[in-house]
């Protein structure tokens, strides 16, 4: 996701991971998508990845190539 300018942030211990595509690098404004934690090291499931791509305005065809 870094290739597309997406940053991953964590809100507190055991909280959601937030994927943000900031309008300005390092900024806090822009499309965001929270992902609930389940277990440390779990892979993100396909429906969540598809939603991330849609919300963060990333072309799925470009992402999967």
C-alpha atoms as a PDB file:
ATOM      1  CA  UNK A   1       0.000   0.000   0.000  1.00  0.00           C
ATOM      2  CA  UNK A   2       2.982   2.329   0.558  1.00  0.00           C
ATOM      3  CA  UNK A   3       3.526   2.320  -3.197  1.00  0.00           C
ATOM      4  CA  UNK A   4       0.189   4.148  -3.512  1.00  0.00           C
ATOM      5  CA  UNK A   5       0.876   6.669  -0.727  1.00  0.00           C
ATOM      6  CA  UNK A   6      -1.221   4.848   1.867  1.00  0.00           C
ATOM      7  CA  UNK A   7      -0.083   5.047   5.481  1.00  0.00           C
ATOM      8  CA  UNK A   8      -0.991   2.649   8.291  1.00  0.00           C
ATOM      9  CA  UNK A   9      -1.590   4.057  11.746  1.00  0.00           C
ATOM     10  CA  UNK A  10      -2.592   2.400  14.996  1.00  0.00           C
ATOM     11  CA  UNK A  11      -4.838   4.082  17.560  1.00  0.00           C
ATOM     12  CA  UNK A  12      -3.708   2.961  20.996  1.00  0.00           C
ATOM     13  CA  UNK A  13      -2.990  -0.520  22.289  1.00  0.00           C
ATOM     14  CA  UNK A  14      -5.179  -3.182  20.686  1.00  0.00           C
ATOM     15  CA  UNK A  15      -7.177  -0.637  18.777  1.00  0.00           C
ATOM     16  CA  UNK A  16      -8.082  -0.390  15.109  1.00  0.00           C
ATOM     17  CA  UNK A  17      -5.453  -0.019  12.435  1.00  0.00           C
ATOM     18  CA  UNK A  18      -6.286   2.975  10.271  1.00  0.00           C
ATOM     19  CA  UNK A  19      -5.274   3.016   6.619  1.00  0.00           C
ATOM     20  CA  UNK A  20      -5.168   6.597   5.328  1.00  0.00           C
ATOM     21  CA  UNK A  21      -4.396   8.046   1.919  1.00  0.00           C
ATOM     22  CA  UNK A  22      -3.436  11.552   3.076  1.00  0.00           C
ATOM     23  CA  UNK A  23      -4.000  14.581   0.865  1.00  0.00           C
ATOM     24  CA  UNK A  24      -0.540  15.776   1.962  1.00  0.00           C
ATOM     25  CA  UNK A  25       2.163  13.232   2.883  1.00  0.00           C
ATOM     26  CA  UNK A  26       2.157  12.794   6.661  1.00  0.00           C
ATOM     27  CA  UNK A  27      -1.152  14.649   6.967  1.00  0.00           C
ATOM     28  CA  UNK A  28      -4.299  13.505   8.751  1.00  0.00           C
ATOM     29  CA  UNK A  29      -6.874  14.451   6.124  1.00  0.00           C
ATOM     30  CA  UNK A  30      -7.890  12.216   3.261  1.00  0.00           C
ATOM     31  CA  UNK A  31      -9.750   8.957   2.695  1.00  0.00           C
ATOM     32  CA  UNK A  32      -9.449   6.583   5.651  1.00  0.00           C
ATOM     33  CA  UNK A  33     -10.479   3.003   6.390  1.00  0.00           C
ATOM     34  CA  UNK A  34     -10.323   1.375   9.861  1.00  0.00           C
ATOM     35  CA  UNK A  35      -9.551  -2.328  10.198  1.00  0.00           C
ATOM     36  CA  UNK A  36     -10.514  -4.037  13.458  1.00  0.00           C
ATOM     37  CA  UNK A  37      -7.778  -6.109  15.073  1.00  0.00           C
ATOM     38  CA  UNK A  38      -8.430  -9.794  15.652  1.00  0.00           C
ATOM     39  CA  UNK A  39      -5.168 -11.541  16.386  1.00  0.00           C
ATOM     40  CA  UNK A  40      -1.658 -10.245  15.986  1.00  0.00           C
ATOM     41  CA  UNK A  41      -0.276 -11.361  12.627  1.00  0.00           C
ATOM     42  CA  UNK A  42      -3.646 -12.196  11.051  1.00  0.00           C
ATOM     43  CA  UNK A  43      -3.891 -11.559   7.341  1.00  0.00           C
ATOM     44  CA  UNK A  44      -6.397  -9.020   6.084  1.00  0.00           C
ATOM     45  CA  UNK A  45      -9.265 -10.844   4.353  1.00  0.00           C
ATOM     46  CA  UNK A  46     -10.139 -10.279   0.672  1.00  0.00           C
ATOM     47  CA  UNK A  47     -13.428  -8.355   1.255  1.00  0.00           C
ATOM     48  CA  UNK A  48     -11.538  -5.897   3.482  1.00  0.00           C
ATOM     49  CA  UNK A  49      -8.813  -5.448   0.854  1.00  0.00           C
ATOM     50  CA  UNK A  50     -11.448  -4.753  -1.810  1.00  0.00           C
ATOM     51  CA  UNK A  51     -13.131  -2.184   0.453  1.00  0.00           C
ATOM     52  CA  UNK A  52      -9.751  -0.565   1.212  1.00  0.00           C
ATOM     53  CA  UNK A  53      -9.001  -0.192  -2.483  1.00  0.00           C
ATOM     54  CA  UNK A  54     -12.448   1.282  -3.165  1.00  0.00           C
ATOM     55  CA  UNK A  55     -12.403   3.761  -0.264  1.00  0.00           C
ATOM     56  CA  UNK A  56      -8.784   4.820  -0.843  1.00  0.00           C
ATOM     57  CA  UNK A  57      -9.370   5.326  -4.591  1.00  0.00           C
ATOM     58  CA  UNK A  58      -6.846   2.720  -5.766  1.00  0.00           C
ATOM     59  CA  UNK A  59      -7.503   0.955  -9.057  1.00  0.00           C
ATOM     60  CA  UNK A  60      -7.842  -2.779  -8.253  1.00  0.00           C
ATOM     61  CA  UNK A  61      -6.463  -3.776 -11.667  1.00  0.00           C
ATOM     62  CA  UNK A  62      -3.335  -1.711 -11.035  1.00  0.00           C
ATOM     63  CA  UNK A  63      -3.015  -3.048  -7.473  1.00  0.00           C
ATOM     64  CA  UNK A  64      -3.212  -6.739  -8.417  1.00  0.00           C
ATOM     65  CA  UNK A  65      -0.849  -6.482 -11.422  1.00  0.00           C
END
